[in-house]
Amino acid sequence: MWFVARSVDRFPKRIRETPKCSVGVVDFNLQRGTLRHVGMRGTAEVAPVDKARLHRLLARYLGEDPEGWSSTFTRGVIDKLDLMVRFRPTSIVARDQSYFSLASPREYRA
């Protein structure tokens, strides 16, 4: 798992000091009563930004062509990224803790 960062951020500084870390991903929808959680523990390392990897990561959300990306976002955020953090999980736990408060399980459609 890759994260983007800047050398002025605290996140990469903490990773350099203590590579052991955890990552949590939560999908929560109150109206549907769904709560899914993935928790990972592992280690991370800081690396210089890899422009090709950064483009592949951002293209998933912003589109394949950087010319179509917001110039304000590119200048204000993307151009300032100079590091990437690689997280390698050693354990992964996934839980569906849905409670279906407003919809019965039969009404739920993923």
Protein backbone atom coordinates (compact mmCIF):
# COMPACT_ATOMS: atom_id res chain seq x y z
CA MET A 1 0.00 0.00 0.00
CA TRP A 2 1.43 3.38 -1.02
CA PHE A 3 0.80 6.80 0.52
CA VAL A 4 1.94 10.17 -0.76
CA ALA A 5 3.70 12.66 1.50
CA ARG A 6 5.92 15.69 1.73
CA SER A 7 9.22 15.87 3.57
CA VAL A 8 7.82 18.66 5.76
CA ASP A 9 5.01 16.39 7.02
CA ARG A 10 5.17 14.64 10.39
CA PHE A 11 3.96 11.31 8.97
CA PRO A 12 7.18 10.37 7.12
CA LYS A 13 9.28 11.61 10.04
CA ARG A 14 7.39 9.31 12.41
CA ILE A 15 7.74 6.37 10.00
CA ARG A 16 11.49 6.90 9.81
CA GLU A 17 11.67 6.87 13.62
CA THR A 18 9.27 3.95 14.12
CA PRO A 19 8.51 1.86 11.03
CA LYS A 20 5.98 -0.33 12.87
CA CYS A 21 2.50 1.05 12.22
CA SER A 22 -1.10 0.17 11.42
CA VAL A 23 -3.65 1.19 8.82
CA GLY A 24 -7.43 1.04 9.13
CA VAL A 25 -9.98 1.30 6.34
CA VAL A 26 -13.65 1.78 7.23
CA ASP A 27 -16.73 1.70 5.01
CA PHE A 28 -19.66 3.11 7.00
CA ASN A 29 -23.18 3.92 5.82
CA LEU A 30 -25.59 4.98 8.56
CA GLN A 31 -28.69 4.81 6.36
CA ARG A 32 -27.99 1.22 5.33
CA GLY A 33 -26.64 0.19 8.71
CA THR A 34 -23.38 -1.06 7.24
CA LEU A 35 -20.00 -0.98 8.88
CA ARG A 36 -17.07 -2.81 7.34
CA HIS A 37 -13.57 -2.56 8.70
CA VAL A 38 -10.17 -3.74 7.52
CA GLY A 39 -7.29 -3.36 9.97
CA MET A 40 -3.67 -3.99 9.04
CA ARG A 41 -0.49 -4.04 11.08
CA GLY A 42 2.96 -3.98 9.59
CA THR A 43 5.91 -1.80 8.76
CA ALA A 44 6.42 1.16 6.49
CA GLU A 45 9.34 2.83 4.78
CA VAL A 46 9.83 6.26 3.26
CA ALA A 47 11.08 6.61 -0.31
CA PRO A 48 11.54 9.48 -2.77
CA VAL A 49 8.48 10.13 -4.92
CA ASP A 50 8.30 7.86 -7.95
CA LYS A 51 6.64 10.02 -10.64
CA ALA A 52 5.33 7.02 -12.62
CA ARG A 53 3.83 5.38 -9.53
CA LEU A 54 2.38 8.73 -8.40
CA HIS A 55 0.73 9.20 -11.78
CA ARG A 56 -0.78 5.68 -11.70
CA LEU A 57 -2.13 6.32 -8.20
CA LEU A 58 -3.63 9.73 -8.99
CA ALA A 59 -4.98 8.68 -12.41
CA ARG A 60 -7.41 6.34 -10.65
CA TYR A 61 -9.12 9.34 -9.10
CA LEU A 62 -8.33 12.26 -11.40
CA GLY A 63 -8.32 10.61 -14.83
CA GLU A 64 -5.50 9.31 -17.00
CA ASP A 65 -4.55 12.62 -18.62
CA PRO A 66 -2.76 15.05 -16.25
CA GLU A 67 -3.68 17.91 -18.61
CA GLY A 68 -7.28 17.47 -17.45
CA TRP A 69 -6.40 17.67 -13.76
CA SER A 70 -7.18 20.88 -11.91
CA SER A 71 -4.19 23.20 -12.26
CA THR A 72 -4.92 24.63 -8.81
CA PHE A 73 -4.83 21.13 -7.28
CA THR A 74 -1.74 20.20 -9.28
CA ARG A 75 0.19 23.30 -8.20
CA GLY A 76 -1.11 23.37 -4.64
CA VAL A 77 -0.88 19.68 -3.82
CA ILE A 78 0.62 17.31 -6.39
CA ASP A 79 3.68 19.39 -7.27
CA LYS A 80 4.61 19.61 -3.58
CA LEU A 81 4.71 15.82 -3.08
CA ASP A 82 8.30 14.64 -2.79
CA LEU A 83 7.96 11.40 -0.81
CA MET A 84 6.01 8.18 -0.85
CA VAL A 85 5.46 5.80 2.05
CA ARG A 86 5.22 2.08 1.36
CA PHE A 87 3.24 0.09 3.91
CA ARG A 88 3.77 -3.67 4.05
CA PRO A 89 1.18 -5.50 6.16
CA THR A 90 2.17 -8.44 8.32
CA SER A 91 -1.40 -9.11 9.48
CA ILE A 92 -4.81 -8.21 8.11
CA VAL A 93 -8.20 -8.48 9.81
CA ALA A 94 -11.46 -7.81 7.96
CA ARG A 95 -14.79 -7.56 9.76
CA ASP A 96 -18.32 -6.86 8.68
CA GLN A 97 -19.86 -5.24 11.74
CA SER A 98 -23.04 -4.13 10.00
CA TYR A 99 -26.11 -3.74 12.13
CA PHE A 100 -28.88 -2.99 9.61
CA SER A 101 -30.61 -0.46 11.83
CA LEU A 102 -32.70 1.14 9.11
CA ALA A 103 -32.91 -1.70 6.60
CA SER A 104 -33.43 -5.41 7.02
CA PRO A 105 -30.68 -7.71 5.72
CA ARG A 106 -32.92 -8.67 2.80
CA GLU A 107 -33.19 -5.03 1.71
CA TYR A 108 -29.45 -4.51 1.70
CA ARG A 109 -27.78 -4.53 -1.69
CA ALA A 110 -24.03 -4.02 -1.89
